[in-house]
Amino acid sequence: MLSILPSSSILLLCLDSSTATAIAEEEPVCIINGHTHASSAAVGFNAPLGMPYCTLSADNNVTEEDNTEDTLDWESFSFLDMHEYFDCTNHVYNTAKPLYTPAMWKQMRDLFEEQSEIDMSSSKIDETHVQNYYAGYADESRGRGAFAARNFTKGDLVHDNAISTVFWTNGDGWREYVMALPQTMACDVLEWTWIQTVPDYGPLLCLNLNDAAFMNHDDEFNIAPKDRLSLELYAQRDITEGEELTYDYYIYETDWELFDL
């Protein structure tokens, strides 16, 4: 059963070197949720419009940049506005995008928990869960993918989204989450998020936060849910270890306007 919790926000600020002197020996630092982080820990994070953020310069120095070039309020951004803001077009077509380490998945899960409006009390993300798949590269046209870690027989449960998925009931919380991520992660989230109707809750914004996010679409898919409401994906035929796992993206109807996105 999902239980609704108040949403909290992430605060990310960059201090200039004079302000940070007493804290970090004249090295710029970033404050995330009130905690001081070394420059390298904060590189790549983008704050909402109207706030400064830290980036990595060509000489590997963290610099403060003005993030007020637009008068648009990020809280009103549509999906396409966010895609443009993070400059995700090249990212979408980059087939050499990096795979995620456990630390990167944890970073994304921790941020969600800080901001969370929903607690999956009956299907909490299980970081100790042994995946039936692993991440890798499919081919030059598909880029990243997920591959079977063992043999499956037709009808076997391959993946349960309830173990690895986070949910939002409205676009505001999802938008806030994306805006607090580094550019690459933000573009990935824009690419990975789908909308699914979950029993008792209706349509939700859904995001996998483990290697299942790399599962690609294929018209000749080999895994699928039993119906549009199910979070579980089953083998549609016998699958051999090392074979790429794919499903039909179009079983879910993505309507961003439903969430004011």
Protein backbone atom coordinates (compact mmCIF):
# COMPACT_ATOMS: atom_id res chain seq x y z
CA MET A 1 0.00 0.00 0.00
CA LEU A 2 1.32 3.45 -0.86
CA SER A 3 1.07 6.12 1.82
CA ILE A 4 1.27 9.82 1.07
CA LEU A 5 3.94 11.87 2.84
CA PRO A 6 4.63 15.62 2.66
CA SER A 7 7.00 16.66 -0.10
CA SER A 8 10.31 18.24 0.87
CA SER A 9 12.63 20.21 -1.36
CA ILE A 10 16.36 20.13 -2.00
CA LEU A 11 18.43 23.27 -1.41
CA LEU A 12 21.56 23.61 -3.51
CA LEU A 13 23.69 26.76 -3.36
CA CYS A 14 27.23 27.60 -4.44
CA LEU A 15 29.34 29.87 -2.26
CA ASP A 16 31.97 32.11 -3.81
CA SER A 17 35.58 31.65 -2.68
CA SER A 18 35.57 34.60 -0.27
CA THR A 19 32.51 33.31 1.56
CA ALA A 20 33.85 29.78 1.64
CA THR A 21 37.30 30.73 3.01
CA ALA A 22 36.43 29.91 6.60
CA ILE A 23 34.99 26.56 5.57
CA ALA A 24 37.21 25.23 2.80
CA GLU A 25 40.46 27.18 2.68
CA GLU A 26 39.37 29.53 -0.10
CA GLU A 27 38.08 26.73 -2.32
CA PRO A 28 34.52 27.12 -3.61
CA VAL A 29 32.14 24.70 -1.98
CA CYS A 30 28.54 23.77 -2.44
CA ILE A 31 25.88 23.43 0.20
CA ILE A 32 23.38 20.63 -0.47
CA ASN A 33 20.52 20.30 1.98
CA GLY A 34 22.50 22.29 4.52
CA HIS A 35 25.60 20.08 4.34
CA THR A 36 28.96 21.27 3.05
CA HIS A 37 30.40 19.27 0.16
CA ALA A 38 33.77 19.46 -1.57
CA SER A 39 33.66 20.99 -5.02
CA SER A 40 33.98 17.64 -6.75
CA ALA A 41 30.93 16.29 -4.93
CA ALA A 42 28.73 19.06 -6.30
CA VAL A 43 29.98 19.27 -9.87
CA GLY A 44 27.23 19.05 -12.41
CA PHE A 45 24.29 19.85 -10.17
CA ASN A 46 21.84 22.38 -11.55
CA ALA A 47 19.75 24.56 -9.28
CA PRO A 48 16.34 25.93 -10.30
CA LEU A 49 16.36 29.12 -12.33
CA GLY A 50 17.17 32.17 -10.27
CA MET A 51 19.80 30.37 -8.15
CA PRO A 52 23.54 29.96 -8.81
CA TYR A 53 24.95 26.53 -9.43
CA CYS A 54 28.37 24.87 -9.68
CA THR A 55 30.00 23.62 -12.86
CA LEU A 56 33.39 22.19 -13.74
CA SER A 57 35.56 24.43 -15.93
CA ALA A 58 38.08 23.23 -18.50
CA ASP A 59 40.88 23.44 -15.94
CA ASN A 60 38.86 21.33 -13.47
CA ASN A 61 38.01 24.26 -11.23
CA VAL A 62 34.51 24.68 -9.89
CA THR A 63 33.02 28.02 -10.82
CA GLU A 64 29.83 29.81 -9.89
CA GLU A 65 27.53 30.58 -12.79
CA ASP A 66 24.54 32.85 -13.06
CA ASN A 67 21.38 30.84 -13.63
CA THR A 68 19.05 33.80 -14.20
CA GLU A 69 19.36 34.15 -17.96
CA ASP A 70 15.71 33.23 -18.47
CA THR A 71 12.69 34.85 -16.90
CA LEU A 72 10.73 31.60 -17.10
CA ASP A 73 9.80 30.07 -13.79
CA TRP A 74 11.04 26.45 -13.74
CA GLU A 75 7.98 25.50 -11.68
CA SER A 76 5.88 26.02 -14.81
CA PHE A 77 8.19 24.12 -17.16
CA SER A 78 6.55 21.58 -19.44
CA PHE A 79 8.28 18.33 -20.37
CA LEU A 80 9.58 19.94 -23.57
CA ASP A 81 10.76 23.04 -21.65
CA MET A 82 12.82 20.82 -19.37
CA HIS A 83 14.19 18.87 -22.32
CA GLU A 84 15.35 22.15 -23.86
CA TYR A 85 16.64 23.59 -20.57
CA PHE A 86 18.93 20.59 -20.00
CA ASP A 87 19.88 20.47 -23.71
CA CYS A 88 18.98 16.78 -23.96
CA THR A 89 18.74 16.41 -27.75
CA ASN A 90 22.32 15.20 -28.22
CA HIS A 91 21.99 13.03 -25.13
CA VAL A 92 19.04 11.15 -26.60
CA TYR A 93 21.00 10.12 -29.69
CA ASN A 94 24.25 9.37 -27.88
CA THR A 95 24.60 5.58 -27.92
CA ALA A 96 27.76 5.70 -25.78
CA LYS A 97 26.06 7.13 -22.70
CA PRO A 98 27.59 5.79 -19.47
CA LEU A 99 26.22 2.91 -17.47
CA TYR A 100 25.33 3.66 -13.86
CA THR A 101 27.36 2.56 -10.85
CA PRO A 102 25.66 1.52 -7.57
CA ALA A 103 26.72 4.89 -6.14
CA MET A 104 24.93 6.75 -8.93
CA TRP A 105 21.69 4.79 -8.39
CA LYS A 106 21.97 5.48 -4.65
CA GLN A 107 22.43 9.19 -5.33
CA MET A 108 19.17 9.23 -7.29
CA ARG A 109 17.30 7.16 -4.69
CA ASP A 110 18.54 9.36 -1.84
CA LEU A 111 17.35 12.49 -3.61
CA PHE A 112 13.92 10.95 -4.15
CA GLU A 113 13.64 9.99 -0.48
CA GLU A 114 14.54 13.55 0.54
CA GLN A 115 11.78 14.97 -1.64
CA SER A 116 9.35 12.06 -1.55
CA GLU A 117 5.60 12.52 -1.49
CA ILE A 118 4.99 8.75 -1.65
CA ASP A 119 6.40 6.01 0.56
CA MET A 120 6.10 2.55 -0.93
CA SER A 121 5.52 0.88 2.43
CA SER A 122 4.62 -2.50 0.94
CA SER A 123 7.17 -2.46 -1.86
CA LYS A 124 10.02 -0.26 -0.66
CA ILE A 125 12.99 -0.09 -3.03
CA ASP A 126 15.19 -3.01 -2.05
CA GLU A 127 18.85 -2.13 -2.59
CA THR A 128 19.88 -5.68 -1.63
CA HIS A 129 17.64 -7.29 -4.25
CA VAL A 130 19.57 -9.55 -6.63
CA GLN A 131 18.74 -8.52 -10.18
CA ASN A 132 17.87 -11.09 -12.81
CA TYR A 133 19.61 -8.86 -15.36
CA TYR A 134 22.64 -6.64 -15.80
CA ALA A 135 23.40 -3.48 -17.72
CA GLY A 136 25.54 -3.37 -20.85
CA TYR A 137 25.67 -2.08 -24.39
CA ALA A 138 23.38 -3.61 -26.99
CA ASP A 139 24.67 -2.32 -30.33
CA GLU A 140 25.60 0.93 -32.05
CA SER A 141 21.99 1.82 -32.76
CA ARG A 142 20.46 0.91 -29.38
CA GLY A 143 23.17 1.96 -26.95
CA ARG A 144 22.59 0.83 -23.38
CA GLY A 145 20.48 -2.19 -22.57
CA ALA A 146 19.62 -4.78 -19.92
CA PHE A 147 20.58 -8.43 -20.37
CA ALA A 148 19.41 -11.68 -18.80
CA ALA A 149 21.66 -12.81 -15.94
CA ARG A 150 20.33 -16.37 -16.20
CA ASN A 151 18.11 -18.55 -18.36
CA PHE A 152 14.36 -17.96 -18.15
CA THR A 153 11.51 -20.25 -19.07
CA LYS A 154 8.37 -18.80 -20.64
CA GLY A 155 6.16 -17.44 -17.85
CA ASP A 156 9.02 -16.78 -15.39
CA LEU A 157 8.99 -13.47 -13.50
CA VAL A 158 11.94 -11.48 -14.84
CA HIS A 159 11.48 -8.12 -13.12
CA ASP A 160 9.15 -6.61 -10.52
CA ASN A 161 8.97 -2.84 -10.95
CA ALA A 162 7.63 -2.44 -7.41
CA ILE A 163 11.13 -3.25 -6.11
CA SER A 164 12.93 -0.59 -8.10
CA THR A 165 10.41 2.08 -9.14
CA VAL A 166 9.60 5.44 -7.56
CA PHE A 167 6.32 7.25 -8.19
CA TRP A 168 4.87 10.75 -8.28
CA THR A 169 1.17 11.62 -8.14
CA ASN A 170 1.72 15.04 -9.71
CA GLY A 171 4.07 16.83 -12.05
CA ASP A 172 5.28 19.34 -9.47
CA GLY A 173 7.19 16.79 -7.41
CA TRP A 174 8.63 15.10 -10.51
CA ARG A 175 9.68 18.47 -11.95
CA GLU A 176 11.39 19.42 -8.69
CA TYR A 177 13.26 16.11 -8.66
CA VAL A 178 14.54 16.49 -12.23
CA MET A 179 15.62 20.10 -11.67
CA ALA A 180 17.80 19.02 -8.73
CA LEU A 181 19.76 16.47 -10.80
CA PRO A 182 22.98 16.86 -12.80
CA GLN A 183 22.40 17.38 -16.52
CA THR A 184 23.16 13.81 -17.62
CA MET A 185 20.94 12.28 -14.96
CA ALA A 186 18.18 14.78 -15.67
CA CYS A 187 18.21 13.88 -19.37
CA ASP A 188 18.12 10.19 -18.46
CA VAL A 189 15.11 10.73 -16.21
CA LEU A 190 13.33 12.60 -19.00
CA GLU A 191 14.04 9.60 -21.21
CA TRP A 192 13.10 6.90 -18.68
CA THR A 193 9.94 8.25 -17.03
CA TRP A 194 6.66 6.65 -18.05
CA ILE A 195 3.03 6.99 -16.97
CA GLN A 196 1.16 3.97 -15.67
CA THR A 197 -2.13 3.47 -13.90
CA VAL A 198 -1.58 1.76 -10.55
CA PRO A 199 -4.56 0.17 -8.76
CA ASP A 200 -6.01 2.40 -6.00
CA TYR A 201 -3.93 5.39 -7.15
CA GLY A 202 -4.73 5.96 -10.79
CA PRO A 203 -2.14 7.34 -13.21
CA LEU A 204 1.32 7.88 -11.72
CA LEU A 205 4.62 9.14 -13.04
CA CYS A 206 6.99 6.16 -12.78
CA LEU A 207 10.77 5.90 -12.82
CA ASN A 208 13.01 2.86 -12.44
CA LEU A 209 16.07 3.53 -10.28
CA ASN A 210 18.12 0.47 -11.10
CA ASP A 211 19.44 -1.25 -14.24
CA ALA A 212 15.88 -2.04 -15.37
CA ALA A 213 15.84 1.56 -16.62
CA PHE A 214 18.08 0.41 -19.48
CA MET A 215 15.51 -2.05 -20.87
CA ASN A 216 14.84 -1.07 -24.47
CA HIS A 217 11.72 -1.16 -26.62
CA ASP A 218 11.34 -3.81 -29.28
CA ASP A 219 8.36 -4.77 -31.40
CA GLU A 220 9.47 -8.38 -30.91
CA PHE A 221 9.75 -8.02 -27.13
CA ASN A 222 10.57 -10.98 -24.89
CA ILE A 223 9.16 -9.73 -21.56
CA ALA A 224 5.80 -8.10 -20.78
CA PRO A 225 3.33 -7.41 -17.95
CA LYS A 226 0.17 -9.50 -17.71
CA ASP A 227 -1.85 -6.31 -18.23
CA ARG A 228 -1.43 -2.50 -18.25
CA LEU A 229 -1.92 -2.30 -14.48
CA SER A 230 0.76 -4.83 -13.56
CA LEU A 231 4.20 -3.79 -12.35
CA GLU A 232 5.65 -7.25 -13.02
CA LEU A 233 7.36 -8.28 -16.27
CA TYR A 234 7.27 -11.94 -17.34
CA ALA A 235 9.18 -13.92 -19.96
CA GLN A 236 7.08 -14.27 -23.11
CA ARG A 237 9.22 -17.15 -24.34
CA ASP A 238 12.34 -19.00 -23.23
CA ILE A 239 15.19 -16.52 -22.79
CA THR A 240 18.87 -17.43 -22.83
CA GLU A 241 21.40 -15.96 -20.38
CA GLY A 242 23.06 -12.93 -21.99
CA GLU A 243 20.09 -12.16 -24.27
CA GLU A 244 18.87 -8.58 -24.25
CA LEU A 245 15.60 -8.03 -22.37
CA THR A 246 13.08 -5.83 -24.20
CA TYR A 247 9.42 -4.91 -23.82
CA ASP A 248 6.76 -2.87 -25.59
CA TYR A 249 6.93 0.77 -24.47
CA TYR A 250 3.64 1.52 -26.18
CA ILE A 251 1.60 -0.57 -23.78
CA TYR A 252 1.65 2.54 -21.59
CA GLU A 253 0.00 5.76 -22.74
CA THR A 254 2.19 8.76 -21.93
CA ASP A 255 0.16 11.96 -21.64
CA TRP A 256 2.35 14.67 -20.10
CA GLU A 257 -0.54 17.15 -20.03
CA LEU A 258 -2.26 14.86 -17.52
CA PHE A 259 0.40 16.02 -15.04
CA ASP A 260 0.60 19.61 -16.29
CA LEU A 261 3.85 18.80 -18.02
